[in-house]
């Protein structure tokens, strides 16, 4: 077991894995990432395979909803969970975005901008650990929810004749895209403030309790 790394502010910044249900669900979600890729890309235009791709994606998304609730209810929130929960989310949605672009059902510019924002913010949060842990924000959770709904609607096979469904899924996708960009800007502003205040105070400050 690794020894906790406690800063001058009393904040534990250890990222060691803890064997609890939320963290196990996070690891399970990471395992679902390559499974989704294989199922989606093997027969992308096959109705049964698309159903299975949707099922895999939805189950993985449900583990995200479950691990957060369990962690908060049973006080099992860890720094590992704060960081890797976000990584697992981005890996899962990233696989879905890339897969849909590969098979020509989602424009590459949309996918690339979203991936740049997602992984850019994740890397930034890792770099900011020397100043404090930046936990996920409510806006980020809403963004993840909209992305999940939009991706599930794109993954599932629906006949072209069902025009209202196609219009709805594009509406949700563009809403998710807009929120992805806006929350990315918000995270950058928060990171700047965290670094500035930590340097002024002479030690890391935990901003996770303020959102």
Protein backbone atom coordinates (compact mmCIF):
# COMPACT_ATOMS: atom_id res chain seq x y z
CA UNK A 1 0.00 0.00 0.00
CA UNK A 2 1.44 3.38 -0.94
CA UNK A 3 1.96 6.03 1.69
CA UNK A 4 -0.42 9.00 1.36
CA UNK A 5 1.17 12.14 -0.06
CA UNK A 6 -0.13 15.04 2.00
CA UNK A 7 0.56 18.63 1.00
CA UNK A 8 1.04 21.58 3.34
CA UNK A 9 -2.69 22.27 3.06
CA UNK A 10 -3.45 18.79 4.39
CA UNK A 11 -4.65 17.49 1.03
CA UNK A 12 -3.91 13.87 0.10
CA UNK A 13 -2.81 13.78 -3.55
CA UNK A 14 -2.09 10.04 -3.74
CA UNK A 15 -3.48 8.39 -6.89
CA UNK A 16 -3.02 4.79 -5.71
CA UNK A 17 -5.78 2.34 -6.61
CA UNK A 18 -8.15 1.42 -3.77
CA UNK A 19 -10.17 -1.80 -3.93
CA UNK A 20 -13.70 -0.48 -3.62
CA UNK A 21 -16.78 -0.87 -5.79
CA UNK A 22 -16.63 2.58 -7.49
CA UNK A 23 -13.02 2.08 -8.58
CA UNK A 24 -13.69 -1.46 -9.80
CA UNK A 25 -16.58 -0.11 -11.90
CA UNK A 26 -14.22 2.50 -13.33
CA UNK A 27 -11.75 -0.22 -14.35
CA UNK A 28 -14.62 -2.25 -15.83
CA UNK A 29 -15.62 0.76 -17.93
CA UNK A 30 -12.07 0.97 -19.28
CA UNK A 31 -12.29 -2.70 -20.29
CA UNK A 32 -15.50 -1.96 -22.20
CA UNK A 33 -13.66 0.56 -24.43
CA UNK A 34 -11.91 -1.94 -26.77
CA UNK A 35 -14.97 -4.20 -26.66
CA UNK A 36 -17.10 -1.35 -28.02
CA UNK A 37 -14.56 -0.67 -30.75
CA UNK A 38 -14.51 -4.29 -31.93
CA UNK A 39 -18.30 -4.68 -31.89
CA UNK A 40 -18.93 -1.38 -33.69
CA UNK A 41 -16.26 -1.70 -36.38
CA UNK A 42 -16.54 -5.42 -37.18
CA UNK A 43 -19.90 -5.07 -38.98
CA UNK A 44 -20.83 -1.37 -38.74
CA UNK A 45 -23.87 -1.61 -41.01
CA UNK A 46 -25.32 -4.79 -39.54
CA UNK A 47 -28.50 -4.28 -37.51
CA UNK A 48 -27.69 -6.95 -34.85
CA UNK A 49 -24.11 -5.75 -34.42
CA UNK A 50 -25.27 -2.16 -33.98
CA UNK A 51 -27.70 -3.29 -31.30
CA UNK A 52 -24.87 -5.04 -29.48
CA UNK A 53 -22.66 -1.96 -29.81
CA UNK A 54 -25.44 0.12 -28.28
CA UNK A 55 -25.92 -2.39 -25.45
CA UNK A 56 -22.19 -2.39 -24.64
CA UNK A 57 -22.10 1.40 -24.65
CA UNK A 58 -25.21 1.81 -22.48
CA UNK A 59 -23.99 -0.74 -19.91
CA UNK A 60 -20.65 1.07 -19.70
CA UNK A 61 -22.42 4.41 -19.24
CA UNK A 62 -24.54 2.93 -16.46
CA UNK A 63 -21.37 1.94 -14.58
CA UNK A 64 -20.43 5.62 -14.65
CA UNK A 65 -23.73 6.59 -13.05
CA UNK A 66 -23.39 3.82 -10.47
CA UNK A 67 -19.81 4.43 -9.36
CA UNK A 68 -20.40 8.10 -8.60
CA UNK A 69 -23.52 7.46 -6.53
CA UNK A 70 -21.90 4.60 -4.61
CA UNK A 71 -18.75 6.61 -3.94
CA UNK A 72 -20.70 9.53 -2.49
CA UNK A 73 -23.22 7.44 -0.55
CA UNK A 74 -20.64 5.22 1.16
CA UNK A 75 -17.86 7.81 1.41
CA UNK A 76 -15.61 5.94 -1.01
CA UNK A 77 -14.42 8.97 -2.98
CA UNK A 78 -10.71 8.65 -3.76
CA UNK A 79 -8.24 10.71 -5.77
CA UNK A 80 -7.84 7.67 -8.03
CA UNK A 81 -11.57 7.78 -8.69
CA UNK A 82 -11.65 11.54 -9.25
CA UNK A 83 -9.06 11.28 -12.02
CA UNK A 84 -9.58 7.83 -13.56
CA UNK A 85 -13.37 8.09 -13.60
CA UNK A 86 -12.93 11.02 -15.96
CA UNK A 87 -10.32 9.15 -18.02
CA UNK A 88 -12.64 6.15 -18.38
CA UNK A 89 -15.51 8.40 -19.48
CA UNK A 90 -13.38 10.06 -22.13
CA UNK A 91 -11.92 6.78 -23.38
CA UNK A 92 -15.40 5.30 -23.77
CA UNK A 93 -17.00 8.29 -25.49
CA UNK A 94 -13.82 8.82 -27.50
CA UNK A 95 -14.04 5.30 -28.88
CA UNK A 96 -17.68 5.88 -29.83
CA UNK A 97 -16.91 9.23 -31.51
CA UNK A 98 -13.94 7.85 -33.46
CA UNK A 99 -15.83 4.71 -34.44
CA UNK A 100 -18.79 6.69 -35.75
CA UNK A 101 -16.43 8.93 -37.75
CA UNK A 102 -14.56 5.92 -39.18
CA UNK A 103 -17.81 4.44 -40.51
CA UNK A 104 -18.86 7.83 -41.91
CA UNK A 105 -21.79 8.62 -39.63
CA UNK A 106 -20.27 11.58 -37.79
CA UNK A 107 -18.12 14.34 -39.28
CA UNK A 108 -14.43 14.14 -38.31
CA UNK A 109 -14.20 17.86 -37.33
CA UNK A 110 -16.84 17.28 -34.63
CA UNK A 111 -14.96 14.26 -33.28
CA UNK A 112 -11.53 15.92 -33.39
CA UNK A 113 -12.66 19.10 -31.62
CA UNK A 114 -14.37 17.08 -28.89
CA UNK A 115 -11.37 14.78 -28.43
CA UNK A 116 -8.98 17.74 -28.30
CA UNK A 117 -11.09 19.34 -25.57
CA UNK A 118 -11.59 16.11 -23.61
CA UNK A 119 -8.01 14.90 -23.52
CA UNK A 120 -6.56 18.40 -23.30
CA UNK A 121 -8.55 19.07 -20.13
CA UNK A 122 -7.70 15.63 -18.72
CA UNK A 123 -3.96 16.20 -19.24
CA UNK A 124 -4.31 19.67 -17.74
CA UNK A 125 -5.97 18.20 -14.62
CA UNK A 126 -3.04 15.79 -14.24
CA UNK A 127 -0.56 18.65 -14.51
CA UNK A 128 -2.52 20.68 -11.97
CA UNK A 129 -2.18 17.95 -9.32
CA UNK A 130 0.91 19.70 -7.95
CA UNK A 131 -1.39 22.60 -7.03
CA UNK A 132 -4.48 20.58 -6.01
CA UNK A 133 -7.08 18.11 -7.26
CA UNK A 134 -9.63 19.47 -9.73
CA UNK A 135 -12.71 17.29 -9.31
CA UNK A 136 -15.35 16.97 -12.03
CA UNK A 137 -17.84 19.85 -12.15
CA UNK A 138 -21.61 19.78 -12.55
CA UNK A 139 -21.35 21.25 -16.04
CA UNK A 140 -18.92 18.50 -16.97
CA UNK A 141 -21.33 15.85 -15.73
CA UNK A 142 -24.17 17.36 -17.81
CA UNK A 143 -21.87 17.41 -20.82
CA UNK A 144 -21.05 13.74 -20.30
CA UNK A 145 -24.76 12.93 -19.98
CA UNK A 146 -25.64 14.70 -23.24
CA UNK A 147 -22.72 13.05 -25.02
CA UNK A 148 -23.86 9.66 -23.76
CA UNK A 149 -27.45 10.17 -24.94
CA UNK A 150 -26.34 11.49 -28.33
CA UNK A 151 -23.84 8.69 -28.89
CA UNK A 152 -26.34 6.01 -27.89
CA UNK A 153 -28.82 7.47 -30.39
CA UNK A 154 -26.15 7.45 -33.12
CA UNK A 155 -25.04 3.90 -32.30
CA UNK A 156 -28.49 2.33 -32.38
CA UNK A 157 -29.84 1.29 -35.77
CA UNK A 158 -32.94 3.25 -36.80
CA UNK A 159 -34.47 3.31 -40.33
CA UNK A 160 -33.93 6.50 -42.34
CA UNK A 161 -37.70 6.90 -42.55
CA UNK A 162 -37.87 7.77 -38.84
CA UNK A 163 -36.92 11.38 -39.54
CA UNK A 164 -37.92 12.76 -36.12
CA UNK A 165 -35.38 10.45 -34.45
CA UNK A 166 -32.58 11.56 -36.76
CA UNK A 167 -33.42 15.22 -36.15
CA UNK A 168 -33.55 14.71 -32.39
CA UNK A 169 -30.22 12.93 -32.21
CA UNK A 170 -28.51 15.70 -34.17
CA UNK A 171 -30.07 18.33 -31.89
CA UNK A 172 -28.72 16.54 -28.81
CA UNK A 173 -25.32 16.02 -30.45
CA UNK A 174 -24.94 19.74 -31.21
CA UNK A 175 -26.06 20.62 -27.67
CA UNK A 176 -23.42 18.23 -26.33
CA UNK A 177 -20.81 19.73 -28.67
CA UNK A 178 -21.56 23.28 -27.48
CA UNK A 179 -21.47 22.29 -23.81
CA UNK A 180 -18.22 20.39 -24.37
CA UNK A 181 -16.52 23.54 -25.67
CA UNK A 182 -18.00 25.85 -23.00
CA UNK A 183 -17.09 23.60 -20.07
CA UNK A 184 -13.60 23.22 -21.51
CA UNK A 185 -13.14 26.99 -21.35
CA UNK A 186 -14.50 26.96 -17.78
CA UNK A 187 -11.94 24.34 -16.72
CA UNK A 188 -9.10 26.37 -18.19
CA UNK A 189 -10.22 29.44 -16.24
CA UNK A 190 -10.44 27.38 -13.03
CA UNK A 191 -6.98 25.92 -13.62
CA UNK A 192 -5.54 29.41 -14.02
CA UNK A 193 -7.17 30.54 -10.76
CA UNK A 194 -6.04 27.41 -8.91
CA UNK A 195 -2.43 27.84 -10.00
CA UNK A 196 -2.46 31.57 -9.27
CA UNK A 197 -3.95 31.19 -5.79
CA UNK A 198 -1.73 28.21 -4.92
CA UNK A 199 1.41 30.14 -5.86
CA UNK A 200 0.27 33.15 -3.86
CA UNK A 201 -0.55 30.99 -0.83
CA UNK A 202 2.66 29.03 -1.08
CA UNK A 203 0.94 25.62 -1.13
CA UNK A 204 -1.70 23.68 -3.13
CA UNK A 205 -5.36 24.53 -2.67
CA UNK A 206 -8.21 22.04 -3.22
CA UNK A 207 -10.81 23.59 -5.53
CA UNK A 208 -12.85 20.37 -5.70
CA UNK A 209 -14.95 21.37 -2.69
CA UNK A 210 -16.01 24.63 -4.32
CA UNK A 211 -17.95 23.10 -7.25
